Amino acid sequence: MVDLMSFKQEILTTAIVIIVIFGLNFLSKRAIRRFGRTSAIDINSRKIIFYLSNLVFYGIGIILITLIWGVNLQEFSVFISSVLAILGIGFVAQWSILSNLTASVILFFSHPLRLGDRIRVLDSDFDWTGKVEDISGFYLFMRTDDDRRITIPTNLAIQKGIEILQQDGPNDRIDQVQ
């Protein structure tokens, strides 16, 4: 009888956690959409934030559900630390796809670079000067002054550095989402 009561309690708590996680995820997506529209952030950049938001909320949900169902906390912490170590190596490794994704997030949140800006990628071997057309999860797309369309991995753009030559006003940005 005690086990049945405990089982019902775990199911009820799990259902509540799932509902709360989905509700918070829904509210955060609405907030991201609203912020993206008011800040003239393009849809591709918002997709990156949606993916990261999903990852955070579902990760928290999985952690809470495993704790509710009585998974050994010591074994769970070893598992989580292993996953974090793999992610840490991925963020540091320059050749990693994860480093490109991390660089995209850095460009999105903390760099004044916007679509439509005229930039120069600071590289001693190449003269990449042109207009930013798009920033995706992994690449920065730009049209050079001699009308070539080039793609630069975002981690390379951050490593080399970017000089903003001319920032467009909010009404001049390309691909502005209404």
C-alpha atoms as a PDB file:
ATOM      1  CA  MET A   1       0.000   0.000   0.000  1.00  0.00           C
ATOM      2  CA  VAL A   2       2.863   2.358   0.807  1.00  0.00           C
ATOM      3  CA  ASP A   3       4.543   1.614  -2.550  1.00  0.00           C
ATOM      4  CA  LEU A   4       1.299   2.317  -4.441  1.00  0.00           C
ATOM      5  CA  MET A   5       0.909   5.642  -2.648  1.00  0.00           C
ATOM      6  CA  SER A   6       4.546   6.560  -3.368  1.00  0.00           C
ATOM      7  CA  PHE A   7       4.094   5.557  -7.020  1.00  0.00           C
ATOM      8  CA  LYS A   8       1.006   7.778  -7.379  1.00  0.00           C
ATOM      9  CA  GLN A   9       2.891  10.658  -5.757  1.00  0.00           C
ATOM     10  CA  GLU A  10       5.798  10.249  -8.200  1.00  0.00           C
ATOM     11  CA  ILE A  11       3.427  10.161 -11.191  1.00  0.00           C
ATOM     12  CA  LEU A  12       1.566  13.264  -9.990  1.00  0.00           C
ATOM     13  CA  THR A  13       4.803  15.163  -9.341  1.00  0.00           C
ATOM     14  CA  THR A  14       6.182  14.105 -12.735  1.00  0.00           C
ATOM     15  CA  ALA A  15       3.002  15.318 -14.474  1.00  0.00           C
ATOM     16  CA  ILE A  16       3.237  18.662 -12.673  1.00  0.00           C
ATOM     17  CA  VAL A  17       6.919  19.064 -13.643  1.00  0.00           C
ATOM     18  CA  ILE A  18       6.137  18.266 -17.292  1.00  0.00           C
ATOM     19  CA  ILE A  19       3.260  20.756 -17.394  1.00  0.00           C
ATOM     20  CA  VAL A  20       5.365  23.483 -15.747  1.00  0.00           C
ATOM     21  CA  ILE A  21       8.331  22.862 -18.114  1.00  0.00           C
ATOM     22  CA  PHE A  22       6.107  22.992 -21.209  1.00  0.00           C
ATOM     23  CA  GLY A  23       4.370  26.109 -19.883  1.00  0.00           C
ATOM     24  CA  LEU A  24       7.639  27.909 -19.157  1.00  0.00           C
ATOM     25  CA  ASN A  25       9.013  26.871 -22.548  1.00  0.00           C
ATOM     26  CA  PHE A  26       5.885  28.233 -24.269  1.00  0.00           C
ATOM     27  CA  LEU A  27       6.128  31.534 -22.382  1.00  0.00           C
ATOM     28  CA  SER A  28       9.824  31.889 -23.143  1.00  0.00           C
ATOM     29  CA  LYS A  29       9.195  31.322 -26.869  1.00  0.00           C
ATOM     30  CA  ARG A  30       6.566  34.067 -26.842  1.00  0.00           C
ATOM     31  CA  ALA A  31       8.985  36.398 -25.066  1.00  0.00           C
ATOM     32  CA  ILE A  32      11.769  35.567 -27.554  1.00  0.00           C
ATOM     33  CA  ARG A  33       9.432  36.227 -30.496  1.00  0.00           C
ATOM     34  CA  ARG A  34       8.308  39.545 -29.010  1.00  0.00           C
ATOM     35  CA  PHE A  35      11.853  40.635 -28.206  1.00  0.00           C
ATOM     36  CA  GLY A  36      13.034  39.537 -31.661  1.00  0.00           C
ATOM     37  CA  ARG A  37      10.367  41.581 -33.416  1.00  0.00           C
ATOM     38  CA  THR A  38      10.943  44.725 -31.386  1.00  0.00           C
ATOM     39  CA  SER A  39      14.729  44.455 -31.791  1.00  0.00           C
ATOM     40  CA  ALA A  40      14.581  43.605 -35.527  1.00  0.00           C
ATOM     41  CA  ILE A  41      16.374  40.293 -34.987  1.00  0.00           C
ATOM     42  CA  ASP A  42      16.025  37.992 -37.978  1.00  0.00           C
ATOM     43  CA  ILE A  43      14.234  34.656 -37.818  1.00  0.00           C
ATOM     44  CA  ASN A  44      17.416  32.551 -38.099  1.00  0.00           C
ATOM     45  CA  SER A  45      18.911  34.141 -35.014  1.00  0.00           C
ATOM     46  CA  ARG A  46      15.665  33.588 -33.146  1.00  0.00           C
ATOM     47  CA  LYS A  47      15.746  29.908 -34.132  1.00  0.00           C
ATOM     48  CA  ILE A  48      19.104  29.521 -32.409  1.00  0.00           C
ATOM     49  CA  ILE A  49      17.650  31.005 -29.242  1.00  0.00           C
ATOM     50  CA  PHE A  50      14.590  28.727 -29.526  1.00  0.00           C
ATOM     51  CA  TYR A  51      16.868  25.677 -29.735  1.00  0.00           C
ATOM     52  CA  LEU A  52      18.901  26.793 -26.746  1.00  0.00           C
ATOM     53  CA  SER A  53      15.734  27.553 -24.794  1.00  0.00           C
ATOM     54  CA  ASN A  54      14.381  24.074 -25.551  1.00  0.00           C
ATOM     55  CA  LEU A  55      17.680  22.539 -24.489  1.00  0.00           C
ATOM     56  CA  VAL A  56      17.713  24.364 -21.159  1.00  0.00           C
ATOM     57  CA  PHE A  57      14.081  23.692 -20.245  1.00  0.00           C
ATOM     58  CA  TYR A  58      14.076  20.049 -21.303  1.00  0.00           C
ATOM     59  CA  GLY A  59      17.415  19.482 -19.581  1.00  0.00           C
ATOM     60  CA  ILE A  60      16.022  20.910 -16.352  1.00  0.00           C
ATOM     61  CA  GLY A  61      12.913  18.758 -16.797  1.00  0.00           C
ATOM     62  CA  ILE A  62      14.939  15.582 -17.279  1.00  0.00           C
ATOM     63  CA  ILE A  63      17.050  16.350 -14.214  1.00  0.00           C
ATOM     64  CA  LEU A  64      13.973  16.999 -12.062  1.00  0.00           C
ATOM     65  CA  ILE A  65      12.174  13.865 -13.261  1.00  0.00           C
ATOM     66  CA  THR A  66      15.191  11.648 -12.625  1.00  0.00           C
ATOM     67  CA  LEU A  67      15.453  13.067  -9.118  1.00  0.00           C
ATOM     68  CA  ILE A  68      11.721  12.534  -8.519  1.00  0.00           C
ATOM     69  CA  TRP A  69      11.980   8.887  -9.506  1.00  0.00           C
ATOM     70  CA  GLY A  70      14.809   8.285  -7.070  1.00  0.00           C
ATOM     71  CA  VAL A  71      17.836   7.885  -9.289  1.00  0.00           C
ATOM     72  CA  ASN A  72      20.985   7.623  -7.202  1.00  0.00           C
ATOM     73  CA  LEU A  73      22.263  11.197  -6.907  1.00  0.00           C
ATOM     74  CA  GLN A  74      25.933  10.172  -6.931  1.00  0.00           C
ATOM     75  CA  GLU A  75      25.574   8.155 -10.164  1.00  0.00           C
ATOM     76  CA  PHE A  76      23.537  10.948 -11.725  1.00  0.00           C
ATOM     77  CA  SER A  77      26.170  13.557 -10.851  1.00  0.00           C
ATOM     78  CA  VAL A  78      28.888  11.398 -12.470  1.00  0.00           C
ATOM     79  CA  PHE A  79      26.763  11.168 -15.615  1.00  0.00           C
ATOM     80  CA  ILE A  80      26.105  14.934 -15.706  1.00  0.00           C
ATOM     81  CA  SER A  81      29.768  15.783 -15.117  1.00  0.00           C
ATOM     82  CA  SER A  82      30.760  13.473 -17.984  1.00  0.00           C
ATOM     83  CA  VAL A  83      28.295  15.175 -20.322  1.00  0.00           C
ATOM     84  CA  LEU A  84      29.522  18.613 -19.235  1.00  0.00           C
ATOM     85  CA  ALA A  85      33.143  17.581 -19.790  1.00  0.00           C
ATOM     86  CA  ILE A  86      32.332  16.515 -23.354  1.00  0.00           C
ATOM     87  CA  LEU A  87      30.511  19.799 -23.970  1.00  0.00           C
ATOM     88  CA  GLY A  88      33.406  21.764 -22.485  1.00  0.00           C
ATOM     89  CA  ILE A  89      35.864  20.076 -24.815  1.00  0.00           C
ATOM     90  CA  GLY A  90      33.529  20.833 -27.710  1.00  0.00           C
ATOM     91  CA  PHE A  91      33.321  24.511 -26.792  1.00  0.00           C
ATOM     92  CA  VAL A  92      37.084  24.858 -26.568  1.00  0.00           C
ATOM     93  CA  ALA A  93      38.028  22.827 -29.642  1.00  0.00           C
ATOM     94  CA  GLN A  94      38.373  25.138 -32.633  1.00  0.00           C
ATOM     95  CA  TRP A  95      37.520  22.446 -35.149  1.00  0.00           C
ATOM     96  CA  SER A  96      34.330  21.460 -33.391  1.00  0.00           C
ATOM     97  CA  ILE A  97      30.837  22.168 -34.659  1.00  0.00           C
ATOM     98  CA  LEU A  98      29.981  23.152 -31.091  1.00  0.00           C
ATOM     99  CA  SER A  99      32.529  25.962 -31.233  1.00  0.00           C
ATOM    100  CA  ASN A 100      30.718  27.397 -34.271  1.00  0.00           C
ATOM    101  CA  LEU A 101      27.399  27.212 -32.448  1.00  0.00           C
ATOM    102  CA  THR A 102      28.912  28.867 -29.382  1.00  0.00           C
ATOM    103  CA  ALA A 103      30.432  31.598 -31.542  1.00  0.00           C
ATOM    104  CA  SER A 104      27.013  32.224 -33.142  1.00  0.00           C
ATOM    105  CA  VAL A 105      25.481  32.705 -29.708  1.00  0.00           C
ATOM    106  CA  ILE A 106      28.295  35.090 -28.749  1.00  0.00           C
ATOM    107  CA  LEU A 107      27.811  37.082 -31.972  1.00  0.00           C
ATOM    108  CA  PHE A 108      24.075  37.167 -31.340  1.00  0.00           C
ATOM    109  CA  PHE A 109      24.152  38.312 -27.723  1.00  0.00           C
ATOM    110  CA  SER A 110      27.256  40.340 -27.143  1.00  0.00           C
ATOM    111  CA  HIS A 111      28.542  41.665 -30.447  1.00  0.00           C
ATOM    112  CA  PRO A 112      27.129  44.845 -32.004  1.00  0.00           C
ATOM    113  CA  LEU A 113      27.169  43.169 -35.436  1.00  0.00           C
ATOM    114  CA  ARG A 114      23.770  43.189 -37.196  1.00  0.00           C
ATOM    115  CA  LEU A 115      22.443  42.165 -40.566  1.00  0.00           C
ATOM    116  CA  GLY A 116      23.110  44.822 -43.184  1.00  0.00           C
ATOM    117  CA  ASP A 117      26.252  46.165 -41.498  1.00  0.00           C
ATOM    118  CA  ARG A 118      29.324  46.754 -43.640  1.00  0.00           C
ATOM    119  CA  ILE A 119      32.240  44.944 -42.009  1.00  0.00           C
ATOM    120  CA  ARG A 120      35.843  43.894 -42.492  1.00  0.00           C
ATOM    121  CA  VAL A 121      37.034  40.547 -41.163  1.00  0.00           C
ATOM    122  CA  LEU A 122      40.525  41.187 -39.821  1.00  0.00           C
ATOM    123  CA  ASP A 123      42.739  38.580 -41.470  1.00  0.00           C
ATOM    124  CA  SER A 124      46.293  39.015 -42.722  1.00  0.00           C
ATOM    125  CA  ASP A 125      45.820  36.565 -45.628  1.00  0.00           C
ATOM    126  CA  PHE A 126      42.464  37.721 -47.024  1.00  0.00           C
ATOM    127  CA  ASP A 127      40.666  41.035 -47.429  1.00  0.00           C
ATOM    128  CA  TRP A 128      37.072  40.231 -46.604  1.00  0.00           C
ATOM    129  CA  THR A 129      35.160  43.492 -46.663  1.00  0.00           C
ATOM    130  CA  GLY A 130      31.468  43.616 -47.396  1.00  0.00           C
ATOM    131  CA  LYS A 131      27.911  43.585 -46.133  1.00  0.00           C
ATOM    132  CA  VAL A 132      26.543  41.008 -43.688  1.00  0.00           C
ATOM    133  CA  GLU A 133      23.644  39.167 -45.311  1.00  0.00           C
ATOM    134  CA  ASP A 134      22.910  36.499 -42.712  1.00  0.00           C
ATOM    135  CA  ILE A 135      24.201  34.896 -39.537  1.00  0.00           C
ATOM    136  CA  SER A 136      23.096  31.317 -39.059  1.00  0.00           C
ATOM    137  CA  GLY A 137      23.868  28.813 -36.346  1.00  0.00           C
ATOM    138  CA  PHE A 138      27.242  28.013 -37.859  1.00  0.00           C
ATOM    139  CA  TYR A 139      28.144  30.579 -40.539  1.00  0.00           C
ATOM    140  CA  LEU A 140      28.310  34.289 -41.224  1.00  0.00           C
ATOM    141  CA  PHE A 141      27.249  35.049 -44.810  1.00  0.00           C
ATOM    142  CA  MET A 142      28.503  38.227 -46.419  1.00  0.00           C
ATOM    143  CA  ARG A 143      28.569  39.869 -49.834  1.00  0.00           C
ATOM    144  CA  THR A 144      32.013  41.300 -50.513  1.00  0.00           C
ATOM    145  CA  ASP A 145      32.677  44.620 -52.216  1.00  0.00           C
ATOM    146  CA  ASP A 146      33.604  42.789 -55.437  1.00  0.00           C
ATOM    147  CA  ASP A 147      30.160  41.042 -55.333  1.00  0.00           C
ATOM    148  CA  ARG A 148      31.308  37.625 -54.137  1.00  0.00           C
ATOM    149  CA  ARG A 149      29.138  35.800 -51.609  1.00  0.00           C
ATOM    150  CA  ILE A 150      31.317  34.158 -48.979  1.00  0.00           C
ATOM    151  CA  THR A 151      30.552  32.100 -45.895  1.00  0.00           C
ATOM    152  CA  ILE A 152      32.776  32.343 -42.863  1.00  0.00           C
ATOM    153  CA  PRO A 153      32.492  29.942 -39.919  1.00  0.00           C
ATOM    154  CA  THR A 154      31.366  31.974 -36.932  1.00  0.00           C
ATOM    155  CA  ASN A 155      34.227  30.772 -34.747  1.00  0.00           C
ATOM    156  CA  LEU A 156      36.677  32.049 -37.377  1.00  0.00           C
ATOM    157  CA  ALA A 157      34.917  35.429 -37.447  1.00  0.00           C
ATOM    158  CA  ILE A 158      35.319  35.724 -33.688  1.00  0.00           C
ATOM    159  CA  GLN A 159      38.934  34.522 -33.703  1.00  0.00           C
ATOM    160  CA  LYS A 160      39.972  36.903 -36.487  1.00  0.00           C
ATOM    161  CA  GLY A 161      37.939  39.810 -35.224  1.00  0.00           C
ATOM    162  CA  ILE A 162      35.435  42.012 -36.996  1.00  0.00           C
ATOM    163  CA  GLU A 163      35.699  45.707 -37.728  1.00  0.00           C
ATOM    164  CA  ILE A 164      32.333  47.369 -38.256  1.00  0.00           C
ATOM    165  CA  LEU A 165      32.797  49.972 -40.965  1.00  0.00           C
ATOM    166  CA  GLN A 166      29.218  51.199 -41.212  1.00  0.00           C
ATOM    167  CA  GLN A 167      26.204  50.282 -39.149  1.00  0.00           C
ATOM    168  CA  ASP A 168      22.829  50.554 -40.818  1.00  0.00           C
ATOM    169  CA  GLY A 169      19.995  52.196 -38.983  1.00  0.00           C
ATOM    170  CA  PRO A 170      17.089  50.029 -37.766  1.00  0.00           C
ATOM    171  CA  ASN A 171      15.048  50.897 -40.861  1.00  0.00           C
ATOM    172  CA  ASP A 172      17.870  50.011 -43.267  1.00  0.00           C
ATOM    173  CA  ARG A 173      18.522  46.492 -41.988  1.00  0.00           C
ATOM    174  CA  ILE A 174      18.053  43.720 -44.530  1.00  0.00           C
ATOM    175  CA  ASP A 175      15.591  40.919 -43.874  1.00  0.00           C
ATOM    176  CA  GLN A 176      13.853  42.881 -41.129  1.00  0.00           C
ATOM    177  CA  VAL A 177      11.042  40.775 -39.658  1.00  0.00           C
ATOM    178  CA  GLN A 178       7.793  42.657 -39.210  1.00  0.00           C
END
